[in-house]
């Protein structure tokens, strides 16, 4: 099968790399130093697990021009949330009659934005859970066991299961990614958001890695309050979490000794454009729409919005 990874960040690079290792034709669409490094040295997957380091180096096709790729069966779409519309308009050369666009972005809105361009039948909401980050250009660092421990849940925006997505799930499982097909795209998006948004908000505001946030009782309590606020907004939007799902979201996504930094935190540190709106603003705006109180999210949203405006001034 033919895959295009559009936006070869940590998650897209990791998923695409495992598919390439499983002998699929995978094209990586990237830009800048990351693209140059992949072209020159290949895509490197570096696995770090309890001090042990393993590496796969893959010679793959990489470009910044979708026309050089042509039609594919699956597009794994991983650009930053604020680039969704601009990047979405570049997908046409990749689109065949049954091509599926699988979004793996942060936030709640990207699949619906793409559906305006390509229709519900072409768009699939996806949520990948893997502890991965970009190292130097061309290098994806994955924490935990090599080629294992990641999950990928998908749901077609049309809410109609198709054989193409059943095949997609089958292919991912064969590539050592635990994939499942759901019937509810909004549940897929909100389930990821329920833990991701509080983690991103706290690590970026506190300038602390995930292990530190969960290892300190006051921030651990604040995290739990943020999860409750997100669940209340989801409920108002018609996405109803069982109590045990909410409680499960309050537990760390990673070992406490892991120096995990959220992508939001890393973007602030590097003075990059951030996803504050996708990860906090989207929830606060929904809360106001449904008249749901979210005082903790409102506070962190205000602080991070100011940091995005005046500069993070991060001192590592």
C-alpha atoms as a PDB file:
ATOM      1  CA  UNK A   1       0.000   0.000   0.000  1.00  0.00           C
ATOM      2  CA  UNK A   2       1.082   3.593  -0.614  1.00  0.00           C
ATOM      3  CA  UNK A   3       1.351   6.027   2.276  1.00  0.00           C
ATOM      4  CA  UNK A   4       2.216   9.709   2.481  1.00  0.00           C
ATOM      5  CA  UNK A   5       3.284  11.221   5.789  1.00  0.00           C
ATOM      6  CA  UNK A   6       2.319  14.870   5.402  1.00  0.00           C
ATOM      7  CA  UNK A   7       4.116  16.749   8.149  1.00  0.00           C
ATOM      8  CA  UNK A   8       6.934  14.477   9.252  1.00  0.00           C
ATOM      9  CA  UNK A   9       7.122  15.367  12.922  1.00  0.00           C
ATOM     10  CA  UNK A  10       7.832  12.991  15.778  1.00  0.00           C
ATOM     11  CA  UNK A  11       4.565  11.058  15.589  1.00  0.00           C
ATOM     12  CA  UNK A  12       4.263  11.003  11.810  1.00  0.00           C
ATOM     13  CA  UNK A  13       7.919  10.092  11.467  1.00  0.00           C
ATOM     14  CA  UNK A  14       7.572   7.249  13.947  1.00  0.00           C
ATOM     15  CA  UNK A  15       4.413   5.790  12.400  1.00  0.00           C
ATOM     16  CA  UNK A  16       5.744   6.211   8.875  1.00  0.00           C
ATOM     17  CA  UNK A  17       9.057   4.690   9.865  1.00  0.00           C
ATOM     18  CA  UNK A  18       7.422   1.545  11.237  1.00  0.00           C
ATOM     19  CA  UNK A  19       5.322   1.226   8.083  1.00  0.00           C
ATOM     20  CA  UNK A  20       8.469   1.564   5.958  1.00  0.00           C
ATOM     21  CA  UNK A  21      10.176  -1.095   8.070  1.00  0.00           C
ATOM     22  CA  UNK A  22       7.209  -3.323   7.229  1.00  0.00           C
ATOM     23  CA  UNK A  23       7.930  -2.912   3.503  1.00  0.00           C
ATOM     24  CA  UNK A  24       5.242  -0.395   2.579  1.00  0.00           C
ATOM     25  CA  UNK A  25       5.872   2.411   0.111  1.00  0.00           C
ATOM     26  CA  UNK A  26       5.994   5.474   2.362  1.00  0.00           C
ATOM     27  CA  UNK A  27       6.748   9.007   1.172  1.00  0.00           C
ATOM     28  CA  UNK A  28       7.667  11.638   3.751  1.00  0.00           C
ATOM     29  CA  UNK A  29       6.681  15.240   3.137  1.00  0.00           C
ATOM     30  CA  UNK A  30       8.782  17.564   5.249  1.00  0.00           C
ATOM     31  CA  UNK A  31      10.676  20.835   4.974  1.00  0.00           C
ATOM     32  CA  UNK A  32      13.771  22.717   6.066  1.00  0.00           C
ATOM     33  CA  UNK A  33      16.629  21.100   7.956  1.00  0.00           C
ATOM     34  CA  UNK A  34      14.520  18.039   8.782  1.00  0.00           C
ATOM     35  CA  UNK A  35      13.950  17.336   5.084  1.00  0.00           C
ATOM     36  CA  UNK A  36      17.610  17.933   4.237  1.00  0.00           C
ATOM     37  CA  UNK A  37      18.765  15.520   6.942  1.00  0.00           C
ATOM     38  CA  UNK A  38      16.349  12.769   5.882  1.00  0.00           C
ATOM     39  CA  UNK A  39      17.495  13.105   2.278  1.00  0.00           C
ATOM     40  CA  UNK A  40      21.169  13.015   3.220  1.00  0.00           C
ATOM     41  CA  UNK A  41      21.273  10.511   6.072  1.00  0.00           C
ATOM     42  CA  UNK A  42      17.890   8.774   6.070  1.00  0.00           C
ATOM     43  CA  UNK A  43      15.192   8.802   8.729  1.00  0.00           C
ATOM     44  CA  UNK A  44      16.533   7.700  12.097  1.00  0.00           C
ATOM     45  CA  UNK A  45      14.283   6.081  14.696  1.00  0.00           C
ATOM     46  CA  UNK A  46      16.030   6.078  18.061  1.00  0.00           C
ATOM     47  CA  UNK A  47      14.442   4.053  20.861  1.00  0.00           C
ATOM     48  CA  UNK A  48      15.370   4.825  24.473  1.00  0.00           C
ATOM     49  CA  UNK A  49      14.135   2.355  27.059  1.00  0.00           C
ATOM     50  CA  UNK A  50      15.455   2.394  30.630  1.00  0.00           C
ATOM     51  CA  UNK A  51      18.857   3.621  29.513  1.00  0.00           C
ATOM     52  CA  UNK A  52      19.144   1.193  26.600  1.00  0.00           C
ATOM     53  CA  UNK A  53      19.342   2.766  23.137  1.00  0.00           C
ATOM     54  CA  UNK A  54      18.454   1.043  19.865  1.00  0.00           C
ATOM     55  CA  UNK A  55      18.391   2.610  16.413  1.00  0.00           C
ATOM     56  CA  UNK A  56      16.850   2.024  12.994  1.00  0.00           C
ATOM     57  CA  UNK A  57      18.110   4.100  10.060  1.00  0.00           C
ATOM     58  CA  UNK A  58      15.814   4.041   7.032  1.00  0.00           C
ATOM     59  CA  UNK A  59      16.524   5.190   3.517  1.00  0.00           C
ATOM     60  CA  UNK A  60      13.202   6.738   2.514  1.00  0.00           C
ATOM     61  CA  UNK A  61      11.831   9.090  -0.112  1.00  0.00           C
ATOM     62  CA  UNK A  62      11.382  12.605   1.252  1.00  0.00           C
ATOM     63  CA  UNK A  63      10.236  15.779  -0.469  1.00  0.00           C
ATOM     64  CA  UNK A  64       8.518  19.099   0.116  1.00  0.00           C
ATOM     65  CA  UNK A  65       6.483  18.754  -3.083  1.00  0.00           C
ATOM     66  CA  UNK A  66       3.379  16.495  -3.028  1.00  0.00           C
ATOM     67  CA  UNK A  67       3.380  16.400  -6.841  1.00  0.00           C
ATOM     68  CA  UNK A  68       6.564  14.312  -6.673  1.00  0.00           C
ATOM     69  CA  UNK A  69       4.625  11.680  -4.712  1.00  0.00           C
ATOM     70  CA  UNK A  70       1.388  11.348  -6.662  1.00  0.00           C
ATOM     71  CA  UNK A  71      -1.726   9.471  -5.583  1.00  0.00           C
ATOM     72  CA  UNK A  72      -1.557   7.365  -2.433  1.00  0.00           C
ATOM     73  CA  UNK A  73      -3.933   5.118  -0.530  1.00  0.00           C
ATOM     74  CA  UNK A  74      -3.483   6.810   2.845  1.00  0.00           C
ATOM     75  CA  UNK A  75      -2.342  10.264   3.919  1.00  0.00           C
ATOM     76  CA  UNK A  76      -1.268  10.495   7.550  1.00  0.00           C
ATOM     77  CA  UNK A  77      -1.694  14.200   8.190  1.00  0.00           C
ATOM     78  CA  UNK A  78       0.417  15.550  11.026  1.00  0.00           C
ATOM     79  CA  UNK A  79       1.042  19.260  10.514  1.00  0.00           C
ATOM     80  CA  UNK A  80       0.611  21.722  13.365  1.00  0.00           C
ATOM     81  CA  UNK A  81      -3.033  22.555  14.000  1.00  0.00           C
ATOM     82  CA  UNK A  82      -2.638  26.178  12.899  1.00  0.00           C
ATOM     83  CA  UNK A  83      -1.362  25.010   9.479  1.00  0.00           C
ATOM     84  CA  UNK A  84      -4.316  22.718   8.758  1.00  0.00           C
ATOM     85  CA  UNK A  85      -6.077  24.782   6.095  1.00  0.00           C
ATOM     86  CA  UNK A  86      -2.934  25.885   4.256  1.00  0.00           C
ATOM     87  CA  UNK A  87      -1.467  22.379   4.256  1.00  0.00           C
ATOM     88  CA  UNK A  88      -4.838  20.840   3.468  1.00  0.00           C
ATOM     89  CA  UNK A  89      -4.954  22.782   0.225  1.00  0.00           C
ATOM     90  CA  UNK A  90      -1.708  21.075  -0.815  1.00  0.00           C
ATOM     91  CA  UNK A  91      -3.089  17.524  -0.630  1.00  0.00           C
ATOM     92  CA  UNK A  92      -4.798  17.402  -4.027  1.00  0.00           C
ATOM     93  CA  UNK A  93      -1.886  15.716  -5.898  1.00  0.00           C
ATOM     94  CA  UNK A  94      -2.002  12.891  -3.339  1.00  0.00           C
ATOM     95  CA  UNK A  95      -5.729  12.292  -3.608  1.00  0.00           C
ATOM     96  CA  UNK A  96      -7.154   9.325  -5.463  1.00  0.00           C
ATOM     97  CA  UNK A  97     -10.778   8.233  -5.640  1.00  0.00           C
ATOM     98  CA  UNK A  98     -10.617   6.358  -2.307  1.00  0.00           C
ATOM     99  CA  UNK A  99      -7.687   8.062  -0.581  1.00  0.00           C
ATOM    100  CA  UNK A 100      -8.178   8.472   3.167  1.00  0.00           C
ATOM    101  CA  UNK A 101      -6.782  11.479   5.036  1.00  0.00           C
ATOM    102  CA  UNK A 102      -6.047  10.384   8.594  1.00  0.00           C
ATOM    103  CA  UNK A 103      -5.468  13.311  10.933  1.00  0.00           C
ATOM    104  CA  UNK A 104      -3.111  12.805  13.871  1.00  0.00           C
ATOM    105  CA  UNK A 105      -2.978  16.398  15.050  1.00  0.00           C
ATOM    106  CA  UNK A 106      -3.487  17.988  18.421  1.00  0.00           C
ATOM    107  CA  UNK A 107      -6.809  19.605  19.209  1.00  0.00           C
ATOM    108  CA  UNK A 108     -10.390  18.969  18.215  1.00  0.00           C
ATOM    109  CA  UNK A 109     -10.995  20.826  14.972  1.00  0.00           C
ATOM    110  CA  UNK A 110      -8.607  19.653  12.242  1.00  0.00           C
ATOM    111  CA  UNK A 111     -10.716  16.775  10.821  1.00  0.00           C
ATOM    112  CA  UNK A 112     -13.732  19.035  10.500  1.00  0.00           C
ATOM    113  CA  UNK A 113     -11.630  21.724   8.805  1.00  0.00           C
ATOM    114  CA  UNK A 114     -10.345  19.204   6.265  1.00  0.00           C
ATOM    115  CA  UNK A 115     -13.849  17.884   5.644  1.00  0.00           C
ATOM    116  CA  UNK A 116     -14.766  21.318   4.277  1.00  0.00           C
ATOM    117  CA  UNK A 117     -12.097  20.799   1.608  1.00  0.00           C
ATOM    118  CA  UNK A 118     -12.526  17.076   0.882  1.00  0.00           C
ATOM    119  CA  UNK A 119     -15.827  15.926   2.394  1.00  0.00           C
ATOM    120  CA  UNK A 120     -16.581  13.636   5.317  1.00  0.00           C
ATOM    121  CA  UNK A 121     -16.049  10.504   3.233  1.00  0.00           C
ATOM    122  CA  UNK A 122     -12.348  11.289   2.746  1.00  0.00           C
ATOM    123  CA  UNK A 123     -11.427  12.323   6.291  1.00  0.00           C
ATOM    124  CA  UNK A 124     -10.637  10.104   9.273  1.00  0.00           C
ATOM    125  CA  UNK A 125     -10.098  11.319  12.827  1.00  0.00           C
ATOM    126  CA  UNK A 126      -7.025   9.709  14.330  1.00  0.00           C
ATOM    127  CA  UNK A 127      -5.351   9.713  17.719  1.00  0.00           C
ATOM    128  CA  UNK A 128      -1.865   8.324  18.233  1.00  0.00           C
ATOM    129  CA  UNK A 129      -0.544   7.766  21.720  1.00  0.00           C
ATOM    130  CA  UNK A 130       3.214   7.421  21.752  1.00  0.00           C
ATOM    131  CA  UNK A 131       5.930   9.125  23.746  1.00  0.00           C
ATOM    132  CA  UNK A 132       8.036  10.493  20.916  1.00  0.00           C
ATOM    133  CA  UNK A 133       9.902  13.689  20.164  1.00  0.00           C
ATOM    134  CA  UNK A 134      12.148  15.101  17.469  1.00  0.00           C
ATOM    135  CA  UNK A 135      15.851  15.092  18.250  1.00  0.00           C
ATOM    136  CA  UNK A 136      18.253  16.649  15.808  1.00  0.00           C
ATOM    137  CA  UNK A 137      16.993  17.032  12.214  1.00  0.00           C
ATOM    138  CA  UNK A 138      16.131  13.676  10.709  1.00  0.00           C
ATOM    139  CA  UNK A 139      15.908  11.904  14.071  1.00  0.00           C
ATOM    140  CA  UNK A 140      12.780  10.709  15.888  1.00  0.00           C
ATOM    141  CA  UNK A 141      13.290   9.692  19.513  1.00  0.00           C
ATOM    142  CA  UNK A 142      10.793   7.211  20.909  1.00  0.00           C
ATOM    143  CA  UNK A 143      10.785   6.455  24.640  1.00  0.00           C
ATOM    144  CA  UNK A 144       9.918   2.928  25.676  1.00  0.00           C
ATOM    145  CA  UNK A 145      10.309  -0.465  23.989  1.00  0.00           C
ATOM    146  CA  UNK A 146      11.432  -0.437  20.371  1.00  0.00           C
ATOM    147  CA  UNK A 147       8.618  -0.861  17.835  1.00  0.00           C
ATOM    148  CA  UNK A 148       6.016  -1.352  20.526  1.00  0.00           C
ATOM    149  CA  UNK A 149       3.742   0.335  23.101  1.00  0.00           C
ATOM    150  CA  UNK A 150       2.119   2.870  20.757  1.00  0.00           C
ATOM    151  CA  UNK A 151      -1.592   2.970  19.955  1.00  0.00           C
ATOM    152  CA  UNK A 152      -3.491   4.460  17.014  1.00  0.00           C
ATOM    153  CA  UNK A 153      -7.277   4.836  17.151  1.00  0.00           C
ATOM    154  CA  UNK A 154      -9.201   5.962  14.075  1.00  0.00           C
ATOM    155  CA  UNK A 155     -12.825   6.739  13.215  1.00  0.00           C
ATOM    156  CA  UNK A 156     -14.221   7.832   9.880  1.00  0.00           C
ATOM    157  CA  UNK A 157     -15.813  11.269   9.949  1.00  0.00           C
ATOM    158  CA  UNK A 158     -18.749   9.844   7.991  1.00  0.00           C
ATOM    159  CA  UNK A 159     -19.301   7.394  10.900  1.00  0.00           C
ATOM    160  CA  UNK A 160     -19.524   4.612   8.303  1.00  0.00           C
ATOM    161  CA  UNK A 161     -16.899   1.872   8.421  1.00  0.00           C
ATOM    162  CA  UNK A 162     -15.182   1.105   5.130  1.00  0.00           C
ATOM    163  CA  UNK A 163     -12.961  -1.754   4.049  1.00  0.00           C
ATOM    164  CA  UNK A 164     -10.118   0.714   3.371  1.00  0.00           C
ATOM    165  CA  UNK A 165      -9.961   1.655   7.067  1.00  0.00           C
ATOM    166  CA  UNK A 166     -10.322  -1.938   8.200  1.00  0.00           C
ATOM    167  CA  UNK A 167      -7.292  -2.617   5.983  1.00  0.00           C
ATOM    168  CA  UNK A 168      -5.468   0.393   7.472  1.00  0.00           C
ATOM    169  CA  UNK A 169      -5.913  -0.967  10.988  1.00  0.00           C
ATOM    170  CA  UNK A 170      -4.726  -4.385   9.848  1.00  0.00           C
ATOM    171  CA  UNK A 171      -1.584  -2.890   8.290  1.00  0.00           C
ATOM    172  CA  UNK A 172      -0.726  -0.855  11.379  1.00  0.00           C
ATOM    173  CA  UNK A 173      -1.100  -3.825  13.683  1.00  0.00           C
ATOM    174  CA  UNK A 174       1.232  -5.786  11.431  1.00  0.00           C
ATOM    175  CA  UNK A 175       3.739  -2.921  11.829  1.00  0.00           C
ATOM    176  CA  UNK A 176       3.635  -3.221  15.649  1.00  0.00           C
ATOM    177  CA  UNK A 177       1.269  -0.300  16.219  1.00  0.00           C
ATOM    178  CA  UNK A 178      -1.798  -1.255  18.249  1.00  0.00           C
ATOM    179  CA  UNK A 179      -4.542   0.132  16.003  1.00  0.00           C
ATOM    180  CA  UNK A 180      -8.311   0.096  16.499  1.00  0.00           C
ATOM    181  CA  UNK A 181     -11.259   1.301  14.435  1.00  0.00           C
ATOM    182  CA  UNK A 182     -13.988   3.220  16.254  1.00  0.00           C
ATOM    183  CA  UNK A 183     -17.416   4.380  15.099  1.00  0.00           C
ATOM    184  CA  UNK A 184     -17.288   7.721  16.939  1.00  0.00           C
ATOM    185  CA  UNK A 185     -14.800  10.320  15.634  1.00  0.00           C
ATOM    186  CA  UNK A 186     -15.623  12.855  18.324  1.00  0.00           C
ATOM    187  CA  UNK A 187     -14.954  10.304  21.058  1.00  0.00           C
ATOM    188  CA  UNK A 188     -11.594   9.517  19.439  1.00  0.00           C
ATOM    189  CA  UNK A 189     -10.632  13.200  19.413  1.00  0.00           C
ATOM    190  CA  UNK A 190     -11.857  13.959  22.918  1.00  0.00           C
ATOM    191  CA  UNK A 191     -10.284  10.856  24.481  1.00  0.00           C
ATOM    192  CA  UNK A 192      -6.858  12.034  23.362  1.00  0.00           C
ATOM    193  CA  UNK A 193      -7.638  15.644  24.268  1.00  0.00           C
ATOM    194  CA  UNK A 194      -8.792  14.734  27.778  1.00  0.00           C
ATOM    195  CA  UNK A 195      -5.236  13.934  28.905  1.00  0.00           C
ATOM    196  CA  UNK A 196      -3.208  15.815  26.301  1.00  0.00           C
ATOM    197  CA  UNK A 197      -4.546  19.323  26.892  1.00  0.00           C
ATOM    198  CA  UNK A 198      -3.958  19.283  30.685  1.00  0.00           C
ATOM    199  CA  UNK A 199      -0.490  17.776  30.213  1.00  0.00           C
ATOM    200  CA  UNK A 200       0.465  20.367  27.601  1.00  0.00           C
ATOM    201  CA  UNK A 201      -0.965  23.242  29.623  1.00  0.00           C
ATOM    202  CA  UNK A 202       0.850  22.303  32.818  1.00  0.00           C
ATOM    203  CA  UNK A 203       4.234  21.348  31.381  1.00  0.00           C
ATOM    204  CA  UNK A 204       4.339  24.553  29.334  1.00  0.00           C
ATOM    205  CA  UNK A 205       3.189  26.839  32.151  1.00  0.00           C
ATOM    206  CA  UNK A 206       5.325  25.253  34.877  1.00  0.00           C
ATOM    207  CA  UNK A 207       8.293  24.748  32.523  1.00  0.00           C
ATOM    208  CA  UNK A 208       8.649  21.277  33.982  1.00  0.00           C
ATOM    209  CA  UNK A 209       8.712  17.859  32.369  1.00  0.00           C
ATOM    210  CA  UNK A 210       5.881  15.401  32.821  1.00  0.00           C
ATOM    211  CA  UNK A 211       7.537  13.394  35.555  1.00  0.00           C
ATOM    212  CA  UNK A 212       8.014  16.543  37.622  1.00  0.00           C
ATOM    213  CA  UNK A 213       4.400  17.635  37.135  1.00  0.00           C
ATOM    214  CA  UNK A 214       3.023  14.275  38.277  1.00  0.00           C
ATOM    215  CA  UNK A 215       5.633  13.910  40.993  1.00  0.00           C
ATOM    216  CA  UNK A 216       4.592  17.135  42.755  1.00  0.00           C
ATOM    217  CA  UNK A 217       1.327  16.861  44.667  1.00  0.00           C
ATOM    218  CA  UNK A 218      -0.014  20.366  43.958  1.00  0.00           C
ATOM    219  CA  UNK A 219       0.447  20.158  40.189  1.00  0.00           C
ATOM    220  CA  UNK A 220      -0.864  16.595  40.224  1.00  0.00           C
ATOM    221  CA  UNK A 221      -4.052  17.916  41.867  1.00  0.00           C
ATOM    222  CA  UNK A 222      -4.254  20.753  39.349  1.00  0.00           C
ATOM    223  CA  UNK A 223      -3.901  18.254  36.509  1.00  0.00           C
ATOM    224  CA  UNK A 224      -6.848  16.251  37.881  1.00  0.00           C
ATOM    225  CA  UNK A 225      -8.951  19.426  38.057  1.00  0.00           C
ATOM    226  CA  UNK A 226      -8.113  20.209  34.426  1.00  0.00           C
ATOM    227  CA  UNK A 227      -9.176  16.711  33.371  1.00  0.00           C
ATOM    228  CA  UNK A 228     -12.509  17.197  35.152  1.00  0.00           C
ATOM    229  CA  UNK A 229     -13.039  20.530  33.382  1.00  0.00           C
ATOM    230  CA  UNK A 230     -12.272  19.023  29.977  1.00  0.00           C
ATOM    231  CA  UNK A 231     -14.659  16.122  30.644  1.00  0.00           C
ATOM    232  CA  UNK A 232     -17.424  18.567  31.590  1.00  0.00           C
ATOM    233  CA  UNK A 233     -17.015  20.460  28.310  1.00  0.00           C
ATOM    234  CA  UNK A 234     -16.966  17.196  26.359  1.00  0.00           C
ATOM    235  CA  UNK A 235     -20.186  16.172  28.069  1.00  0.00           C
ATOM    236  CA  UNK A 236     -21.806  19.473  27.091  1.00  0.00           C
ATOM    237  CA  UNK A 237     -20.774  18.806  23.483  1.00  0.00           C
ATOM    238  CA  UNK A 238     -22.378  15.361  23.557  1.00  0.00           C
ATOM    239  CA  UNK A 239     -19.286  13.255  24.220  1.00  0.00           C
ATOM    240  CA  UNK A 240     -19.998  11.335  27.410  1.00  0.00           C
ATOM    241  CA  UNK A 241     -17.111   9.703  29.259  1.00  0.00           C
ATOM    242  CA  UNK A 242     -17.725   6.937  31.751  1.00  0.00           C
ATOM    243  CA  UNK A 243     -16.437   7.933  35.217  1.00  0.00           C
ATOM    244  CA  UNK A 244     -13.693   5.317  35.050  1.00  0.00           C
ATOM    245  CA  UNK A 245     -12.384   6.823  31.787  1.00  0.00           C
ATOM    246  CA  UNK A 246     -12.095  10.232  33.427  1.00  0.00           C
ATOM    247  CA  UNK A 247     -10.288   8.735  36.407  1.00  0.00           C
ATOM    248  CA  UNK A 248      -7.949   6.800  34.133  1.00  0.00           C
ATOM    249  CA  UNK A 249      -7.044  10.023  32.328  1.00  0.00           C
ATOM    250  CA  UNK A 250      -5.826  11.460  35.635  1.00  0.00           C
ATOM    251  CA  UNK A 251      -2.945   9.005  35.831  1.00  0.00           C
ATOM    252  CA  UNK A 252       0.439   9.699  34.225  1.00  0.00           C
ATOM    253  CA  UNK A 253       0.850   8.864  30.558  1.00  0.00           C
ATOM    254  CA  UNK A 254       4.471   7.920  31.172  1.00  0.00           C
ATOM    255  CA  UNK A 255       6.815   6.700  33.943  1.00  0.00           C
ATOM    256  CA  UNK A 256       7.537   9.373  36.537  1.00  0.00           C
ATOM    257  CA  UNK A 257      11.265   9.159  35.834  1.00  0.00           C
ATOM    258  CA  UNK A 258      10.721  10.109  32.190  1.00  0.00           C
ATOM    259  CA  UNK A 259      11.839  13.619  31.229  1.00  0.00           C
ATOM    260  CA  UNK A 260       8.912  13.988  28.826  1.00  0.00           C
ATOM    261  CA  UNK A 261       8.177  17.452  27.444  1.00  0.00           C
ATOM    262  CA  UNK A 262       4.950  18.200  25.617  1.00  0.00           C
ATOM    263  CA  UNK A 263       5.177  19.542  22.075  1.00  0.00           C
ATOM    264  CA  UNK A 264       3.591  22.768  23.337  1.00  0.00           C
ATOM    265  CA  UNK A 265       6.367  23.191  25.894  1.00  0.00           C
ATOM    266  CA  UNK A 266       9.078  22.459  23.312  1.00  0.00           C
ATOM    267  CA  UNK A 267       7.594  24.968  20.879  1.00  0.00           C
ATOM    268  CA  UNK A 268       7.650  27.644  23.561  1.00  0.00           C
ATOM    269  CA  UNK A 269      11.256  26.824  24.435  1.00  0.00           C
ATOM    270  CA  UNK A 270      12.290  27.149  20.787  1.00  0.00           C
ATOM    271  CA  UNK A 271      10.272  30.354  20.277  1.00  0.00           C
ATOM    272  CA  UNK A 272       8.151  28.639  17.620  1.00  0.00           C
ATOM    273  CA  UNK A 273       4.527  29.296  16.747  1.00  0.00           C
ATOM    274  CA  UNK A 274       2.520  27.373  19.352  1.00  0.00           C
ATOM    275  CA  UNK A 275      -0.731  25.426  19.532  1.00  0.00           C
ATOM    276  CA  UNK A 276      -2.121  27.351  22.512  1.00  0.00           C
ATOM    277  CA  UNK A 277      -5.356  27.975  20.616  1.00  0.00           C
ATOM    278  CA  UNK A 278      -5.791  24.339  19.578  1.00  0.00           C
ATOM    279  CA  UNK A 279      -4.988  22.920  23.011  1.00  0.00           C
ATOM    280  CA  UNK A 280      -6.458  25.519  25.378  1.00  0.00           C
ATOM    281  CA  UNK A 281      -8.338  28.148  23.406  1.00  0.00           C
ATOM    282  CA  UNK A 282     -10.557  25.588  21.690  1.00  0.00           C
ATOM    283  CA  UNK A 283     -11.687  24.236  25.053  1.00  0.00           C
ATOM    284  CA  UNK A 284     -12.202  27.647  26.677  1.00  0.00           C
ATOM    285  CA  UNK A 285     -14.291  28.832  23.729  1.00  0.00           C
ATOM    286  CA  UNK A 286     -16.442  25.707  23.885  1.00  0.00           C
ATOM    287  CA  UNK A 287     -16.835  26.153  27.640  1.00  0.00           C
ATOM    288  CA  UNK A 288     -18.123  29.687  27.136  1.00  0.00           C
ATOM    289  CA  UNK A 289     -20.476  28.485  24.404  1.00  0.00           C
ATOM    290  CA  UNK A 290     -22.001  25.856  26.704  1.00  0.00           C
ATOM    291  CA  UNK A 291     -21.720  27.938  29.888  1.00  0.00           C
ATOM    292  CA  UNK A 292     -19.448  25.388  31.558  1.00  0.00           C
ATOM    293  CA  UNK A 293     -17.082  26.806  34.217  1.00  0.00           C
ATOM    294  CA  UNK A 294     -13.403  26.091  33.478  1.00  0.00           C
ATOM    295  CA  UNK A 295     -11.484  28.446  35.802  1.00  0.00           C
ATOM    296  CA  UNK A 296      -8.245  26.460  35.760  1.00  0.00           C
ATOM    297  CA  UNK A 297      -8.129  26.248  31.970  1.00  0.00           C
ATOM    298  CA  UNK A 298      -9.011  29.951  31.697  1.00  0.00           C
ATOM    299  CA  UNK A 299      -6.107  30.884  33.958  1.00  0.00           C
ATOM    300  CA  UNK A 300      -3.539  28.783  32.112  1.00  0.00           C
ATOM    301  CA  UNK A 301      -4.905  29.928  28.748  1.00  0.00           C
ATOM    302  CA  UNK A 302      -4.437  33.563  29.757  1.00  0.00           C
ATOM    303  CA  UNK A 303      -0.889  32.971  30.995  1.00  0.00           C
ATOM    304  CA  UNK A 304       0.209  30.985  27.949  1.00  0.00           C
ATOM    305  CA  UNK A 305      -1.475  33.404  25.544  1.00  0.00           C
ATOM    306  CA  UNK A 306       0.584  36.188  27.100  1.00  0.00           C
ATOM    307  CA  UNK A 307       3.750  34.092  26.847  1.00  0.00           C
ATOM    308  CA  UNK A 308       3.003  33.458  23.176  1.00  0.00           C
ATOM    309  CA  UNK A 309       2.636  37.197  22.635  1.00  0.00           C
ATOM    310  CA  UNK A 310       5.621  38.586  24.559  1.00  0.00           C
ATOM    311  CA  UNK A 311       7.983  35.606  24.452  1.00  0.00           C
ATOM    312  CA  UNK A 312       8.600  32.663  26.714  1.00  0.00           C
ATOM    313  CA  UNK A 313      12.110  33.720  27.750  1.00  0.00           C
ATOM    314  CA  UNK A 314      12.840  30.114  28.626  1.00  0.00           C
ATOM    315  CA  UNK A 315      16.043  29.427  30.538  1.00  0.00           C
ATOM    316  CA  UNK A 316      16.914  25.738  30.406  1.00  0.00           C
END
